[in-house]
Amino acid sequence: MSHDPIDVRYVAKLARLDLTEAEVAVFQSQLEAILGHVESLSAIDLPGDITATDTQLGPLRDDQPHTSLLPEAVLLNAPDQAQSQIRVPKVVADA
């Protein structure tokens, strides 16, 4: 199976990258190698349909509407709370 070569300069232009001729040559050879690996994988004869997920998981339960937890019940399980909200540790560093 043959493929058309990827125009590295065009892709770089779309990505707003300014590549040197040396970088274009390196990326072109790397992309050709990747496409060669993909071609070798597509040559493998696998039985059945190939899917991204296993369809043999069994039936999933139907979604059934139910009442939500009361805010007070949720706050009872919170390790820290203030002003009817769950408090969590700060995850953003000071600027």
Protein backbone atom coordinates (compact mmCIF):
# COMPACT_ATOMS: atom_id res chain seq x y z
CA MET A 1 0.00 0.00 0.00
CA SER A 2 1.44 3.32 -1.06
CA HIS A 3 0.70 6.75 0.35
CA ASP A 4 1.13 10.28 -0.83
CA PRO A 5 3.96 12.17 0.87
CA ILE A 6 2.94 14.67 3.51
CA ASP A 7 3.77 18.27 2.65
CA VAL A 8 5.63 19.27 5.81
CA ARG A 9 5.88 22.91 4.75
CA TYR A 10 2.09 23.12 4.32
CA VAL A 11 1.43 21.51 7.70
CA ALA A 12 3.97 23.82 9.33
CA LYS A 13 2.24 26.81 7.75
CA LEU A 14 -1.13 25.66 9.14
CA ALA A 15 0.47 25.33 12.58
CA ARG A 16 2.14 28.73 12.13
CA LEU A 17 5.59 27.20 12.50
CA ASP A 18 8.62 28.65 10.78
CA LEU A 19 10.80 25.63 9.99
CA THR A 20 14.28 25.62 8.59
CA GLU A 21 15.11 23.40 5.61
CA ALA A 22 16.95 21.04 7.98
CA GLU A 23 13.86 20.75 10.21
CA VAL A 24 11.64 20.11 7.19
CA ALA A 25 13.94 17.28 6.11
CA VAL A 26 13.97 15.73 9.60
CA PHE A 27 10.20 15.93 9.99
CA GLN A 28 9.63 14.56 6.49
CA SER A 29 11.75 11.48 7.22
CA GLN A 30 10.07 11.00 10.61
CA LEU A 31 6.60 11.19 9.07
CA GLU A 32 7.58 8.73 6.35
CA ALA A 33 8.80 6.31 9.04
CA ILE A 34 5.53 6.67 10.97
CA LEU A 35 3.47 6.05 7.84
CA GLY A 36 5.60 2.99 7.11
CA HIS A 37 4.83 1.58 10.56
CA VAL A 38 1.11 2.23 10.06
CA GLU A 39 1.23 0.43 6.72
CA SER A 40 2.90 -2.58 8.32
CA LEU A 41 0.19 -2.66 11.01
CA SER A 42 -2.59 -2.48 8.44
CA ALA A 43 -1.10 -5.53 6.71
CA ILE A 44 -1.79 -7.73 9.76
CA ASP A 45 -4.75 -10.05 9.17
CA LEU A 46 -6.98 -9.91 12.24
CA PRO A 47 -10.19 -11.90 12.56
CA GLY A 48 -13.47 -10.11 13.14
CA ASP A 49 -14.26 -6.46 13.46
CA ILE A 50 -11.82 -4.27 15.31
CA THR A 51 -13.38 -1.65 17.56
CA ALA A 52 -12.04 0.88 20.02
CA THR A 53 -13.99 -0.67 22.89
CA ASP A 54 -14.93 -4.16 23.88
CA THR A 55 -18.54 -4.76 22.92
CA GLN A 56 -18.71 -7.93 25.00
CA LEU A 57 -19.11 -6.04 28.26
CA GLY A 58 -22.68 -7.17 28.65
CA PRO A 59 -25.78 -5.10 29.03
CA LEU A 60 -25.58 -1.77 30.79
CA ARG A 61 -28.28 -0.68 33.19
CA ASP A 62 -30.94 1.68 31.97
CA ASP A 63 -30.78 5.24 33.20
CA GLN A 64 -33.53 5.79 35.71
CA PRO A 65 -34.43 9.20 37.11
CA HIS A 66 -34.16 9.50 40.88
CA THR A 67 -34.03 12.22 43.46
CA SER A 68 -30.70 13.89 44.12
CA LEU A 69 -29.02 14.14 47.48
CA LEU A 70 -29.94 17.11 49.58
CA PRO A 71 -27.15 19.72 49.84
CA GLU A 72 -27.08 19.20 53.62
CA ALA A 73 -26.45 15.47 53.17
CA VAL A 74 -23.58 16.14 50.77
CA LEU A 75 -22.00 18.63 53.16
CA LEU A 76 -22.15 16.05 55.98
CA ASN A 77 -19.62 13.93 54.04
CA ALA A 78 -17.34 16.85 53.16
CA PRO A 79 -14.06 16.98 55.09
CA ASP A 80 -14.28 20.79 55.23
CA GLN A 81 -17.11 23.20 54.47
CA ALA A 82 -17.91 26.89 54.63
CA GLN A 83 -20.91 28.97 53.49
CA SER A 84 -22.81 25.85 52.34
CA GLN A 85 -19.94 24.86 50.03
CA ILE A 86 -17.30 22.14 50.09
CA ARG A 87 -13.84 23.60 50.76
CA VAL A 88 -10.86 22.08 48.97
CA PRO A 89 -7.13 22.81 49.17
CA LYS A 90 -5.83 25.60 46.96
CA VAL A 91 -4.29 24.18 43.78
CA VAL A 92 -3.17 27.40 42.07
CA ALA A 93 0.11 28.98 43.11
CA ASP A 94 0.21 32.64 44.02
CA ALA A 95 1.41 34.79 41.13
